[in-house]
Amino acid sequence: MGPEILLTRAIFAAALVLLMCGAVAAWASNNAIKRLAGIALSMLGAILGLAALGAPNALLIAAACAVFVQLAIGAAVTVRLQEDYGAIEAPETDQADRQDDMPGRAP
């Protein structure tokens, strides 16, 4: 086993760790900004894993563009949450939705 294979495996292992840490952060967080950060971390790990596997440059660039678009849309949704609900925490927005959906209220 040469040093190149060990380096590739180490980079791939780091990519998997980033991917899993980001996924757990996005899943476990109630805050929309923290979820976006988790998604960004997870996607960074996925792109690093693709690079470690020897993916073509065009695929890496396309993946980076997809991540940028996803984060831009997520930031826009977060801004709308803040404007409409006054909060970006999931329990607070859920509570506001439940109050809006209470029976007996006229639309």
PDB file of N, CA and C in Angstrom:
ATOM      1  N   MET A   1       0.841  -1.176   0.000  1.00  0.00           N
ATOM      2  CA  MET A   1       0.000   0.000   0.000  1.00  0.00           C
ATOM      3  C   MET A   1       0.884   1.236   0.000  1.00  0.00           C
ATOM      4  N   GLY A   2       0.709   2.057  -1.021  1.00  0.00           N
ATOM      5  CA  GLY A   2       1.523   3.255  -1.129  1.00  0.00           C
ATOM      6  C   GLY A   2       0.935   4.412  -0.351  1.00  0.00           C
ATOM      7  N   PRO A   3       1.732   5.471  -0.234  1.00  0.00           N
ATOM      8  CA  PRO A   3       1.243   6.637   0.504  1.00  0.00           C
ATOM      9  C   PRO A   3       0.056   7.323  -0.170  1.00  0.00           C
ATOM     10  N   GLU A   4      -0.047   7.190  -1.493  1.00  0.00           N
ATOM     11  CA  GLU A   4      -1.178   7.815  -2.190  1.00  0.00           C
ATOM     12  C   GLU A   4      -2.504   7.169  -1.786  1.00  0.00           C
ATOM     13  N   ILE A   5      -2.500   5.857  -1.662  1.00  0.00           N
ATOM     14  CA  ILE A   5      -3.734   5.148  -1.287  1.00  0.00           C
ATOM     15  C   ILE A   5      -4.107   5.481   0.153  1.00  0.00           C
ATOM     16  N   LEU A   6      -3.121   5.567   1.030  1.00  0.00           N
ATOM     17  CA  LEU A   6      -3.411   5.925   2.420  1.00  0.00           C
ATOM     18  C   LEU A   6      -3.963   7.345   2.515  1.00  0.00           C
ATOM     19  N   LEU A   7      -3.384   8.257   1.729  1.00  0.00           N
ATOM     20  CA  LEU A   7      -3.878   9.638   1.726  1.00  0.00           C
ATOM     21  C   LEU A   7      -5.302   9.705   1.185  1.00  0.00           C
ATOM     22  N   THR A   8      -5.573   8.963   0.132  1.00  0.00           N
ATOM     23  CA  THR A   8      -6.920   8.938  -0.444  1.00  0.00           C
ATOM     24  C   THR A   8      -7.925   8.386   0.561  1.00  0.00           C
ATOM     25  N   ARG A   9      -7.549   7.333   1.255  1.00  0.00           N
ATOM     26  CA  ARG A   9      -8.451   6.764   2.251  1.00  0.00           C
ATOM     27  C   ARG A   9      -8.666   7.711   3.423  1.00  0.00           C
ATOM     28  N   ALA A  10      -7.619   8.432   3.820  1.00  0.00           N
ATOM     29  CA  ALA A  10      -7.762   9.397   4.914  1.00  0.00           C
ATOM     30  C   ALA A  10      -8.680  10.543   4.505  1.00  0.00           C
ATOM     31  N   ILE A  11      -8.525  11.023   3.280  1.00  0.00           N
ATOM     32  CA  ILE A  11      -9.397  12.099   2.787  1.00  0.00           C
ATOM     33  C   ILE A  11     -10.838  11.605   2.698  1.00  0.00           C
ATOM     34  N   PHE A  12     -11.025  10.379   2.220  1.00  0.00           N
ATOM     35  CA  PHE A  12     -12.375   9.832   2.126  1.00  0.00           C
ATOM     36  C   PHE A  12     -13.000   9.651   3.504  1.00  0.00           C
ATOM     37  N   ALA A  13     -12.199   9.210   4.474  1.00  0.00           N
ATOM     38  CA  ALA A  13     -12.702   9.064   5.847  1.00  0.00           C
ATOM     39  C   ALA A  13     -13.098  10.423   6.424  1.00  0.00           C
ATOM     40  N   ALA A  14     -12.279  11.449   6.174  1.00  0.00           N
ATOM     41  CA  ALA A  14     -12.617  12.799   6.641  1.00  0.00           C
ATOM     42  C   ALA A  14     -13.891  13.297   5.968  1.00  0.00           C
ATOM     43  N   ALA A  15     -14.055  12.964   4.694  1.00  0.00           N
ATOM     44  CA  ALA A  15     -15.264  13.362   3.975  1.00  0.00           C
ATOM     45  C   ALA A  15     -16.500  12.702   4.587  1.00  0.00           C
ATOM     46  N   LEU A  16     -16.386  11.424   4.941  1.00  0.00           N
ATOM     47  CA  LEU A  16     -17.519  10.743   5.567  1.00  0.00           C
ATOM     48  C   LEU A  16     -17.850  11.332   6.930  1.00  0.00           C
ATOM     49  N   VAL A  17     -16.814  11.698   7.687  1.00  0.00           N
ATOM     50  CA  VAL A  17     -17.049  12.309   8.994  1.00  0.00           C
ATOM     51  C   VAL A  17     -17.763  13.646   8.821  1.00  0.00           C
ATOM     52  N   LEU A  18     -17.308  14.470   7.871  1.00  0.00           N
ATOM     53  CA  LEU A  18     -17.970  15.755   7.605  1.00  0.00           C
ATOM     54  C   LEU A  18     -19.418  15.541   7.185  1.00  0.00           C
ATOM     55  N   LEU A  19     -19.625  14.583   6.300  1.00  0.00           N
ATOM     56  CA  LEU A  19     -20.972  14.312   5.812  1.00  0.00           C
ATOM     57  C   LEU A  19     -21.904  13.903   6.945  1.00  0.00           C
ATOM     58  N   MET A  20     -21.445  13.011   7.794  1.00  0.00           N
ATOM     59  CA  MET A  20     -22.294  12.533   8.883  1.00  0.00           C
ATOM     60  C   MET A  20     -22.508  13.607   9.954  1.00  0.00           C
ATOM     61  N   CYS A  21     -21.462  14.371  10.281  1.00  0.00           N
ATOM     62  CA  CYS A  21     -21.629  15.454  11.266  1.00  0.00           C
ATOM     63  C   CYS A  21     -22.623  16.497  10.760  1.00  0.00           C
ATOM     64  N   GLY A  22     -22.524  16.842   9.488  1.00  0.00           N
ATOM     65  CA  GLY A  22     -23.462  17.799   8.917  1.00  0.00           C
ATOM     66  C   GLY A  22     -24.879  17.274   8.896  1.00  0.00           C
ATOM     67  N   ALA A  23     -25.037  15.998   8.566  1.00  0.00           N
ATOM     68  CA  ALA A  23     -26.375  15.416   8.530  1.00  0.00           C
ATOM     69  C   ALA A  23     -27.002  15.390   9.921  1.00  0.00           C
ATOM     70  N   VAL A  24     -26.220  15.035  10.925  1.00  0.00           N
ATOM     71  CA  VAL A  24     -26.744  15.011  12.293  1.00  0.00           C
ATOM     72  C   VAL A  24     -27.082  16.424  12.760  1.00  0.00           C
ATOM     73  N   ALA A  25     -26.224  17.396  12.422  1.00  0.00           N
ATOM     74  CA  ALA A  25     -26.485  18.784  12.817  1.00  0.00           C
ATOM     75  C   ALA A  25     -27.757  19.315  12.156  1.00  0.00           C
ATOM     76  N   ALA A  26     -27.948  18.994  10.888  1.00  0.00           N
ATOM     77  CA  ALA A  26     -29.149  19.456  10.188  1.00  0.00           C
ATOM     78  C   ALA A  26     -30.401  18.766  10.720  1.00  0.00           C
ATOM     79  N   TRP A  27     -30.277  17.534  11.113  1.00  0.00           N
ATOM     80  CA  TRP A  27     -31.432  16.773  11.576  1.00  0.00           C
ATOM     81  C   TRP A  27     -31.811  17.136  13.009  1.00  0.00           C
ATOM     82  N   ALA A  28     -30.837  17.354  13.868  1.00  0.00           N
ATOM     83  CA  ALA A  28     -31.103  17.529  15.293  1.00  0.00           C
ATOM     84  C   ALA A  28     -31.396  18.972  15.700  1.00  0.00           C
ATOM     85  N   SER A  29     -31.073  19.921  14.864  1.00  0.00           N
ATOM     86  CA  SER A  29     -31.212  21.324  15.241  1.00  0.00           C
ATOM     87  C   SER A  29     -32.634  21.830  15.016  1.00  0.00           C
ATOM     88  N   ASN A  30     -33.074  22.731  15.880  1.00  0.00           N
ATOM     89  CA  ASN A  30     -34.367  23.390  15.717  1.00  0.00           C
ATOM     90  C   ASN A  30     -34.241  24.719  14.991  1.00  0.00           C
ATOM     91  N   ASN A  31     -33.042  25.256  14.928  1.00  0.00           N
ATOM     92  CA  ASN A  31     -32.796  26.555  14.341  1.00  0.00           C
ATOM     93  C   ASN A  31     -32.565  26.410  12.835  1.00  0.00           C
ATOM     94  N   ALA A  32     -33.209  27.242  12.030  1.00  0.00           N
ATOM     95  CA  ALA A  32     -33.099  27.151  10.580  1.00  0.00           C
ATOM     96  C   ALA A  32     -31.689  27.474  10.092  1.00  0.00           C
ATOM     97  N   ILE A  33     -31.015  28.421  10.720  1.00  0.00           N
ATOM     98  CA  ILE A  33     -29.653  28.767  10.320  1.00  0.00           C
ATOM     99  C   ILE A  33     -28.706  27.597  10.628  1.00  0.00           C
ATOM    100  N   LYS A  34     -28.882  26.959  11.776  1.00  0.00           N
ATOM    101  CA  LYS A  34     -28.039  25.815  12.119  1.00  0.00           C
ATOM    102  C   LYS A  34     -28.304  24.646  11.172  1.00  0.00           C
ATOM    103  N   ARG A  35     -29.544  24.496  10.741  1.00  0.00           N
ATOM    104  CA  ARG A  35     -29.845  23.455   9.761  1.00  0.00           C
ATOM    105  C   ARG A  35     -29.153  23.746   8.439  1.00  0.00           C
ATOM    106  N   LEU A  36     -29.159  25.005   8.024  1.00  0.00           N
ATOM    107  CA  LEU A  36     -28.454  25.368   6.798  1.00  0.00           C
ATOM    108  C   LEU A  36     -26.957  25.115   6.917  1.00  0.00           C
ATOM    109  N   ALA A  37     -26.391  25.428   8.063  1.00  0.00           N
ATOM    110  CA  ALA A  37     -24.967  25.168   8.278  1.00  0.00           C
ATOM    111  C   ALA A  37     -24.684  23.668   8.244  1.00  0.00           C
ATOM    112  N   GLY A  38     -25.573  22.868   8.811  1.00  0.00           N
ATOM    113  CA  GLY A  38     -25.411  21.417   8.760  1.00  0.00           C
ATOM    114  C   GLY A  38     -25.485  20.884   7.343  1.00  0.00           C
ATOM    115  N   ILE A  39     -26.409  21.428   6.561  1.00  0.00           N
ATOM    116  CA  ILE A  39     -26.515  21.019   5.162  1.00  0.00           C
ATOM    117  C   ILE A  39     -25.247  21.400   4.405  1.00  0.00           C
ATOM    118  N   ALA A  40     -24.737  22.605   4.664  1.00  0.00           N
ATOM    119  CA  ALA A  40     -23.504  23.041   3.988  1.00  0.00           C
ATOM    120  C   ALA A  40     -22.342  22.131   4.353  1.00  0.00           C
ATOM    121  N   LEU A  41     -22.230  21.780   5.626  1.00  0.00           N
ATOM    122  CA  LEU A  41     -21.157  20.893   6.072  1.00  0.00           C
ATOM    123  C   LEU A  41     -21.296  19.512   5.448  1.00  0.00           C
ATOM    124  N   SER A  42     -22.504  19.017   5.389  1.00  0.00           N
ATOM    125  CA  SER A  42     -22.756  17.714   4.789  1.00  0.00           C
ATOM    126  C   SER A  42     -22.423  17.713   3.295  1.00  0.00           C
ATOM    127  N   MET A  43     -22.823  18.745   2.614  1.00  0.00           N
ATOM    128  CA  MET A  43     -22.525  18.830   1.186  1.00  0.00           C
ATOM    129  C   MET A  43     -21.033  18.996   0.923  1.00  0.00           C
ATOM    130  N   LEU A  44     -20.361  19.724   1.788  1.00  0.00           N
ATOM    131  CA  LEU A  44     -18.911  19.856   1.661  1.00  0.00           C
ATOM    132  C   LEU A  44     -18.247  18.487   1.802  1.00  0.00           C
ATOM    133  N   GLY A  45     -18.717  17.684   2.741  1.00  0.00           N
ATOM    134  CA  GLY A  45     -18.201  16.328   2.889  1.00  0.00           C
ATOM    135  C   GLY A  45     -18.486  15.477   1.664  1.00  0.00           C
ATOM    136  N   ALA A  46     -19.669  15.630   1.073  1.00  0.00           N
ATOM    137  CA  ALA A  46     -20.012  14.860  -0.126  1.00  0.00           C
ATOM    138  C   ALA A  46     -19.111  15.242  -1.294  1.00  0.00           C
ATOM    139  N   ILE A  47     -18.867  16.532  -1.465  1.00  0.00           N
ATOM    140  CA  ILE A  47     -17.996  16.980  -2.552  1.00  0.00           C
ATOM    141  C   ILE A  47     -16.563  16.518  -2.317  1.00  0.00           C
ATOM    142  N   LEU A  48     -16.095  16.572  -1.079  1.00  0.00           N
ATOM    143  CA  LEU A  48     -14.760  16.093  -0.751  1.00  0.00           C
ATOM    144  C   LEU A  48     -14.657  14.590  -1.012  1.00  0.00           C
ATOM    145  N   GLY A  49     -15.706  13.851  -0.695  1.00  0.00           N
ATOM    146  CA  GLY A  49     -15.718  12.422  -0.987  1.00  0.00           C
ATOM    147  C   GLY A  49     -15.678  12.146  -2.477  1.00  0.00           C
ATOM    148  N   LEU A  50     -16.421  12.933  -3.256  1.00  0.00           N
ATOM    149  CA  LEU A  50     -16.363  12.785  -4.716  1.00  0.00           C
ATOM    150  C   LEU A  50     -14.959  13.057  -5.237  1.00  0.00           C
ATOM    151  N   ALA A  51     -14.324  14.077  -4.698  1.00  0.00           N
ATOM    152  CA  ALA A  51     -12.964  14.397  -5.135  1.00  0.00           C
ATOM    153  C   ALA A  51     -11.994  13.286  -4.755  1.00  0.00           C
ATOM    154  N   ALA A  52     -12.178  12.691  -3.578  1.00  0.00           N
ATOM    155  CA  ALA A  52     -11.296  11.606  -3.148  1.00  0.00           C
ATOM    156  C   ALA A  52     -11.483  10.367  -4.020  1.00  0.00           C
ATOM    157  N   LEU A  53     -12.686  10.178  -4.531  1.00  0.00           N
ATOM    158  CA  LEU A  53     -12.941   9.038  -5.405  1.00  0.00           C
ATOM    159  C   LEU A  53     -12.503   9.281  -6.837  1.00  0.00           C
ATOM    160  N   GLY A  54     -12.037  10.499  -7.132  1.00  0.00           N
ATOM    161  CA  GLY A  54     -11.534  10.801  -8.468  1.00  0.00           C
ATOM    162  C   GLY A  54     -12.599  11.228  -9.446  1.00  0.00           C
ATOM    163  N   ALA A  55     -13.611  11.912  -8.981  1.00  0.00           N
ATOM    164  CA  ALA A  55     -14.680  12.382  -9.857  1.00  0.00           C
ATOM    165  C   ALA A  55     -14.139  13.445 -10.812  1.00  0.00           C
ATOM    166  N   PRO A  56     -14.723  13.548 -11.998  1.00  0.00           N
ATOM    167  CA  PRO A  56     -14.268  14.578 -12.937  1.00  0.00           C
ATOM    168  C   PRO A  56     -14.532  15.989 -12.409  1.00  0.00           C
ATOM    169  N   ASN A  57     -13.742  16.926 -12.884  1.00  0.00           N
ATOM    170  CA  ASN A  57     -13.870  18.316 -12.428  1.00  0.00           C
ATOM    171  C   ASN A  57     -15.248  18.893 -12.730  1.00  0.00           C
ATOM    172  N   ALA A  58     -15.825  18.517 -13.855  1.00  0.00           N
ATOM    173  CA  ALA A  58     -17.147  19.034 -14.215  1.00  0.00           C
ATOM    174  C   ALA A  58     -18.192  18.613 -13.184  1.00  0.00           C
ATOM    175  N   LEU A  59     -18.086  17.399 -12.686  1.00  0.00           N
ATOM    176  CA  LEU A  59     -19.028  16.925 -11.675  1.00  0.00           C
ATOM    177  C   LEU A  59     -18.840  17.680 -10.362  1.00  0.00           C
ATOM    178  N   LEU A  60     -17.606  17.954  -9.989  1.00  0.00           N
ATOM    179  CA  LEU A  60     -17.341  18.704  -8.758  1.00  0.00           C
ATOM    180  C   LEU A  60     -17.867  20.132  -8.860  1.00  0.00           C
ATOM    181  N   ILE A  61     -17.698  20.741 -10.022  1.00  0.00           N
ATOM    182  CA  ILE A  61     -18.202  22.104 -10.218  1.00  0.00           C
ATOM    183  C   ILE A  61     -19.729  22.114 -10.190  1.00  0.00           C
ATOM    184  N   ALA A  62     -20.351  21.127 -10.821  1.00  0.00           N
ATOM    185  CA  ALA A  62     -21.814  21.041 -10.814  1.00  0.00           C
ATOM    186  C   ALA A  62     -22.330  20.827  -9.389  1.00  0.00           C
ATOM    187  N   ALA A  63     -21.640  20.005  -8.620  1.00  0.00           N
ATOM    188  CA  ALA A  63     -22.046  19.771  -7.235  1.00  0.00           C
ATOM    189  C   ALA A  63     -21.906  21.042  -6.404  1.00  0.00           C
ATOM    190  N   ALA A  64     -20.829  21.785  -6.615  1.00  0.00           N
ATOM    191  CA  ALA A  64     -20.644  23.042  -5.884  1.00  0.00           C
ATOM    192  C   ALA A  64     -21.728  24.049  -6.254  1.00  0.00           C
ATOM    193  N   CYS A  65     -22.109  24.084  -7.518  1.00  0.00           N
ATOM    194  CA  CYS A  65     -23.196  24.984  -7.938  1.00  0.00           C
ATOM    195  C   CYS A  65     -24.526  24.576  -7.311  1.00  0.00           C
ATOM    196  N   ALA A  66     -24.775  23.276  -7.252  1.00  0.00           N
ATOM    197  CA  ALA A  66     -26.014  22.795  -6.631  1.00  0.00           C
ATOM    198  C   ALA A  66     -26.052  23.151  -5.148  1.00  0.00           C
ATOM    199  N   VAL A  67     -24.918  23.041  -4.478  1.00  0.00           N
ATOM    200  CA  VAL A  67     -24.850  23.407  -3.059  1.00  0.00           C
ATOM    201  C   VAL A  67     -25.111  24.896  -2.896  1.00  0.00           C
ATOM    202  N   PHE A  68     -24.506  25.719  -3.749  1.00  0.00           N
ATOM    203  CA  PHE A  68     -24.720  27.160  -3.667  1.00  0.00           C
ATOM    204  C   PHE A  68     -26.186  27.511  -3.856  1.00  0.00           C
ATOM    205  N   VAL A  69     -26.825  26.908  -4.829  1.00  0.00           N
ATOM    206  CA  VAL A  69     -28.241  27.184  -5.079  1.00  0.00           C
ATOM    207  C   VAL A  69     -29.096  26.732  -3.900  1.00  0.00           C
ATOM    208  N   GLN A  70     -28.801  25.552  -3.364  1.00  0.00           N
ATOM    209  CA  GLN A  70     -29.570  25.059  -2.225  1.00  0.00           C
ATOM    210  C   GLN A  70     -29.412  25.976  -1.011  1.00  0.00           C
ATOM    211  N   LEU A  71     -28.213  26.461  -0.761  1.00  0.00           N
ATOM    212  CA  LEU A  71     -27.995  27.357   0.369  1.00  0.00           C
ATOM    213  C   LEU A  71     -28.640  28.727   0.137  1.00  0.00           C
ATOM    214  N   ALA A  72     -28.640  29.199  -1.100  1.00  0.00           N
ATOM    215  CA  ALA A  72     -29.291  30.478  -1.395  1.00  0.00           C
ATOM    216  C   ALA A  72     -30.801  30.381  -1.176  1.00  0.00           C
ATOM    217  N   ILE A  73     -31.398  29.286  -1.618  1.00  0.00           N
ATOM    218  CA  ILE A  73     -32.834  29.091  -1.401  1.00  0.00           C
ATOM    219  C   ILE A  73     -33.126  28.929   0.089  1.00  0.00           C
ATOM    220  N   GLY A  74     -32.288  28.198   0.794  1.00  0.00           N
ATOM    221  CA  GLY A  74     -32.461  28.038   2.233  1.00  0.00           C
ATOM    222  C   GLY A  74     -32.356  29.357   2.976  1.00  0.00           C
ATOM    223  N   ALA A  75     -31.431  30.218   2.549  1.00  0.00           N
ATOM    224  CA  ALA A  75     -31.309  31.533   3.185  1.00  0.00           C
ATOM    225  C   ALA A  75     -32.544  32.378   2.907  1.00  0.00           C
ATOM    226  N   ALA A  76     -33.077  32.293   1.692  1.00  0.00           N
ATOM    227  CA  ALA A  76     -34.288  33.046   1.364  1.00  0.00           C
ATOM    228  C   ALA A  76     -35.479  32.558   2.193  1.00  0.00           C
ATOM    229  N   VAL A  77     -35.602  31.253   2.355  1.00  0.00           N
ATOM    230  CA  VAL A  77     -36.691  30.703   3.169  1.00  0.00           C
ATOM    231  C   VAL A  77     -36.536  31.129   4.629  1.00  0.00           C
ATOM    232  N   THR A  78     -35.293  31.152   5.107  1.00  0.00           N
ATOM    233  CA  THR A  78     -35.044  31.574   6.490  1.00  0.00           C
ATOM    234  C   THR A  78     -35.424  33.039   6.691  1.00  0.00           C
ATOM    235  N   VAL A  79     -35.132  33.870   5.715  1.00  0.00           N
ATOM    236  CA  VAL A  79     -35.513  35.284   5.804  1.00  0.00           C
ATOM    237  C   VAL A  79     -37.035  35.412   5.832  1.00  0.00           C
ATOM    238  N   ARG A  80     -37.720  34.630   5.001  1.00  0.00           N
ATOM    239  CA  ARG A  80     -39.191  34.667   5.003  1.00  0.00           C
ATOM    240  C   ARG A  80     -39.764  34.179   6.333  1.00  0.00           C
ATOM    241  N   LEU A  81     -39.142  33.151   6.919  1.00  0.00           N
ATOM    242  CA  LEU A  81     -39.580  32.692   8.241  1.00  0.00           C
ATOM    243  C   LEU A  81     -39.456  33.810   9.265  1.00  0.00           C
ATOM    244  N   GLN A  82     -38.332  34.494   9.237  1.00  0.00           N
ATOM    245  CA  GLN A  82     -38.110  35.579  10.189  1.00  0.00           C
ATOM    246  C   GLN A  82     -39.112  36.706   9.971  1.00  0.00           C
ATOM    247  N   GLU A  83     -39.404  37.022   8.712  1.00  0.00           N
ATOM    248  CA  GLU A  83     -40.347  38.099   8.427  1.00  0.00           C
ATOM    249  C   GLU A  83     -41.779  37.722   8.819  1.00  0.00           C
ATOM    250  N   ASP A  84     -42.193  36.498   8.504  1.00  0.00           N
ATOM    251  CA  ASP A  84     -43.579  36.102   8.740  1.00  0.00           C
ATOM    252  C   ASP A  84     -43.859  35.711  10.188  1.00  0.00           C
ATOM    253  N   TYR A  85     -42.930  34.995  10.807  1.00  0.00           N
ATOM    254  CA  TYR A  85     -43.164  34.473  12.153  1.00  0.00           C
ATOM    255  C   TYR A  85     -42.410  35.223  13.237  1.00  0.00           C
ATOM    256  N   GLY A  86     -41.397  35.964  12.851  1.00  0.00           N
ATOM    257  CA  GLY A  86     -40.589  36.662  13.835  1.00  0.00           C
ATOM    258  C   GLY A  86     -39.630  35.739  14.563  1.00  0.00           C
ATOM    259  N   ALA A  87     -39.442  34.539  14.041  1.00  0.00           N
ATOM    260  CA  ALA A  87     -38.548  33.562  14.673  1.00  0.00           C
ATOM    261  C   ALA A  87     -38.043  32.587  13.615  1.00  0.00           C
ATOM    262  N   ILE A  88     -36.917  31.956  13.927  1.00  0.00           N
ATOM    263  CA  ILE A  88     -36.389  30.924  13.028  1.00  0.00           C
ATOM    264  C   ILE A  88     -36.260  29.583  13.738  1.00  0.00           C
ATOM    265  N   GLU A  89     -36.783  29.501  14.945  1.00  0.00           N
ATOM    266  CA  GLU A  89     -36.783  28.247  15.689  1.00  0.00           C
ATOM    267  C   GLU A  89     -38.020  27.438  15.300  1.00  0.00           C
ATOM    268  N   ALA A  90     -37.848  26.151  15.059  1.00  0.00           N
ATOM    269  CA  ALA A  90     -38.950  25.298  14.615  1.00  0.00           C
ATOM    270  C   ALA A  90     -40.108  25.237  15.615  1.00  0.00           C
ATOM    271  N   PRO A  91     -39.876  25.091  16.927  1.00  0.00           N
ATOM    272  CA  PRO A  91     -41.029  25.044  17.839  1.00  0.00           C
ATOM    273  C   PRO A  91     -41.852  26.331  17.834  1.00  0.00           C
ATOM    274  N   GLU A  92     -41.187  27.468  17.687  1.00  0.00           N
ATOM    275  CA  GLU A  92     -41.924  28.738  17.670  1.00  0.00           C
ATOM    276  C   GLU A  92     -42.756  28.882  16.401  1.00  0.00           C
ATOM    277  N   THR A  93     -42.212  28.490  15.255  1.00  0.00           N
ATOM    278  CA  THR A  93     -42.985  28.577  14.011  1.00  0.00           C
ATOM    279  C   THR A  93     -44.118  27.558  14.006  1.00  0.00           C
ATOM    280  N   ASP A  94     -43.892  26.371  14.582  1.00  0.00           N
ATOM    281  CA  ASP A  94     -44.968  25.378  14.682  1.00  0.00           C
ATOM    282  C   ASP A  94     -46.097  25.874  15.575  1.00  0.00           C
ATOM    283  N   GLN A  95     -45.744  26.515  16.677  1.00  0.00           N
ATOM    284  CA  GLN A  95     -46.758  27.048  17.579  1.00  0.00           C
ATOM    285  C   GLN A  95     -47.563  28.145  16.887  1.00  0.00           C
ATOM    286  N   ALA A  96     -46.899  28.993  16.132  1.00  0.00           N
ATOM    287  CA  ALA A  96     -47.609  30.049  15.406  1.00  0.00           C
ATOM    288  C   ALA A  96     -48.541  29.451  14.361  1.00  0.00           C
ATOM    289  N   ASP A  97     -48.120  28.382  13.695  1.00  0.00           N
ATOM    290  CA  ASP A  97     -48.988  27.709  12.732  1.00  0.00           C
ATOM    291  C   ASP A  97     -50.201  27.089  13.413  1.00  0.00           C
ATOM    292  N   ARG A  98     -49.993  26.467  14.573  1.00  0.00           N
ATOM    293  CA  ARG A  98     -51.120  25.872  15.283  1.00  0.00           C
ATOM    294  C   ARG A  98     -52.127  26.935  15.712  1.00  0.00           C
ATOM    295  N   GLN A  99     -51.646  28.096  16.124  1.00  0.00           N
ATOM    296  CA  GLN A  99     -52.562  29.165  16.519  1.00  0.00           C
ATOM    297  C   GLN A  99     -53.337  29.691  15.327  1.00  0.00           C
ATOM    298  N   ASP A 100     -52.706  29.726  14.158  1.00  0.00           N
ATOM    299  CA  ASP A 100     -53.405  30.180  12.957  1.00  0.00           C
ATOM    300  C   ASP A 100     -54.442  29.172  12.483  1.00  0.00           C
ATOM    301  N   ASP A 101     -54.212  27.901  12.761  1.00  0.00           N
ATOM    302  CA  ASP A 101     -55.098  26.838  12.288  1.00  0.00           C
ATOM    303  C   ASP A 101     -56.153  26.428  13.302  1.00  0.00           C
ATOM    304  N   MET A 102     -56.295  27.163  14.392  1.00  0.00           N
ATOM    305  CA  MET A 102     -57.269  26.797  15.417  1.00  0.00           C
ATOM    306  C   MET A 102     -58.684  26.887  14.842  1.00  0.00           C
ATOM    307  N   PRO A 103     -59.538  25.907  15.190  1.00  0.00           N
ATOM    308  CA  PRO A 103     -60.907  25.958  14.672  1.00  0.00           C
ATOM    309  C   PRO A 103     -61.663  27.147  15.261  1.00  0.00           C
ATOM    310  N   GLY A 104     -62.549  27.653  14.465  1.00  0.00           N
ATOM    311  CA  GLY A 104     -63.358  28.770  14.930  1.00  0.00           C
ATOM    312  C   GLY A 104     -62.809  30.133  14.514  1.00  0.00           C
ATOM    313  N   ARG A 105     -61.623  30.133  13.981  1.00  0.00           N
ATOM    314  CA  ARG A 105     -61.064  31.404  13.496  1.00  0.00           C
ATOM    315  C   ARG A 105     -61.415  31.591  12.039  1.00  0.00           C
ATOM    316  N   ALA A 106     -61.862  32.743  11.703  1.00  0.00           N
ATOM    317  CA  ALA A 106     -62.187  33.051  10.315  1.00  0.00           C
ATOM    318  C   ALA A 106     -60.890  33.330   9.555  1.00  0.00           C
ATOM    319  N   PRO A 107     -60.791  32.847   8.317  1.00  0.00           N
ATOM    320  CA  PRO A 107     -59.560  33.104   7.538  1.00  0.00           C
ATOM    321  C   PRO A 107     -59.405  34.533   7.128  1.00  0.00           C
TER     322      PRO A 107
END
